[in-house]
Amino acid sequence: MHPISLWDLLKQILSSWQVIAITIAIAIYISIVSYVARSYHRPRMKKVKSFKKKKAEPTAATPEVSEEDSAMDSNDELGLEEA
């Protein structure tokens, strides 16, 4: 085969609609695959969670003190009598 006839054959092959369509289809496929790979490969942004402080719940170890008891306790500690 002469180089001129080889060049003409190559020109006909590359300009056929089947080769052009397959080339475009492969380019689109590679583009989609690379987009999906980039979106899954990227490190995701960590959301900062705001921690709410829980209210201290009364436990069994700390008994609740009523106002009358606390008033009497403070008077007893000071050695004062009620009038």
Protein backbone atom coordinates (compact mmCIF):
# COMPACT_ATOMS: atom_id res chain seq x y z
CA MET A 1 0.00 0.00 0.00
CA HIS A 2 1.25 3.41 -0.91
CA PRO A 3 1.24 6.17 1.70
CA ILE A 4 -1.17 8.23 -0.40
CA SER A 5 -3.77 5.47 -0.55
CA LEU A 6 -3.27 4.81 3.18
CA TRP A 7 -3.87 8.49 3.90
CA ASP A 8 -7.09 8.46 1.84
CA LEU A 9 -8.33 5.33 3.62
CA LEU A 10 -7.57 6.84 7.03
CA LYS A 11 -9.41 10.04 6.03
CA GLN A 12 -12.49 8.07 5.01
CA ILE A 13 -12.49 6.04 8.23
CA LEU A 14 -12.13 9.05 10.51
CA SER A 15 -14.78 11.08 8.67
CA SER A 16 -17.46 8.34 8.75
CA TRP A 17 -20.48 9.12 10.91
CA GLN A 18 -20.14 5.91 12.95
CA VAL A 19 -16.63 6.78 14.12
CA ILE A 20 -17.66 10.36 14.95
CA ALA A 21 -20.77 9.20 16.87
CA ILE A 22 -18.83 6.60 18.90
CA THR A 23 -16.10 9.15 19.68
CA ILE A 24 -18.68 11.65 20.98
CA ALA A 25 -20.45 8.92 23.00
CA ILE A 26 -17.18 7.82 24.63
CA ALA A 27 -16.25 11.43 25.46
CA ILE A 28 -19.65 12.01 27.13
CA TYR A 29 -19.35 8.72 29.04
CA ILE A 30 -15.87 9.58 30.34
CA SER A 31 -17.10 13.03 31.34
CA ILE A 32 -19.99 11.60 33.36
CA VAL A 33 -17.82 8.98 35.04
CA SER A 34 -15.19 11.55 36.04
CA TYR A 35 -17.89 13.89 37.41
CA VAL A 36 -19.36 11.13 39.57
CA ALA A 37 -15.90 10.05 40.75
CA ARG A 38 -15.02 13.64 41.74
CA SER A 39 -18.28 14.13 43.62
CA TYR A 40 -17.75 10.97 45.69
CA HIS A 41 -14.03 11.49 46.20
CA ARG A 42 -14.24 15.04 47.55
CA PRO A 43 -14.05 15.24 51.35
CA ARG A 44 -17.40 16.25 52.70
CA MET A 45 -17.80 19.33 54.83
CA LYS A 46 -18.29 18.49 58.48
CA LYS A 47 -21.25 20.22 60.01
CA VAL A 48 -20.62 21.86 63.35
CA LYS A 49 -23.16 20.58 65.80
CA SER A 50 -24.25 22.88 68.57
CA PHE A 51 -24.33 20.99 71.80
CA LYS A 52 -27.13 22.03 74.09
CA LYS A 53 -26.43 21.76 77.77
CA LYS A 54 -28.83 19.50 79.53
CA LYS A 55 -30.48 20.83 82.63
CA ALA A 56 -29.17 19.21 85.75
CA GLU A 57 -31.70 16.68 86.83
CA PRO A 58 -32.12 16.15 90.55
CA THR A 59 -30.53 12.90 91.62
CA ALA A 60 -31.36 10.66 94.51
CA ALA A 61 -28.13 11.69 96.29
CA THR A 62 -29.22 15.35 96.60
CA PRO A 63 -32.58 15.62 98.35
CA GLU A 64 -34.74 18.61 97.55
CA VAL A 65 -34.87 21.23 100.29
CA SER A 66 -38.00 23.26 100.81
CA GLU A 67 -37.94 26.95 101.77
CA GLU A 68 -39.08 26.26 105.35
CA ASP A 69 -36.35 23.70 105.90
CA SER A 70 -33.66 25.98 104.51
CA ALA A 71 -34.82 28.89 106.70
CA MET A 72 -34.77 26.71 109.80
CA ASP A 73 -31.39 25.26 108.94
CA SER A 74 -29.80 28.67 108.57
CA ASN A 75 -31.31 29.83 111.88
CA ASP A 76 -30.13 26.68 113.62
CA GLU A 77 -26.63 27.06 112.25
CA LEU A 78 -26.42 30.66 113.44
CA GLY A 79 -27.93 29.88 116.81
CA LEU A 80 -30.82 32.32 116.32
CA GLU A 81 -34.37 31.85 117.50
CA GLU A 82 -37.47 32.82 115.59
CA ALA A 83 -39.48 35.67 117.03
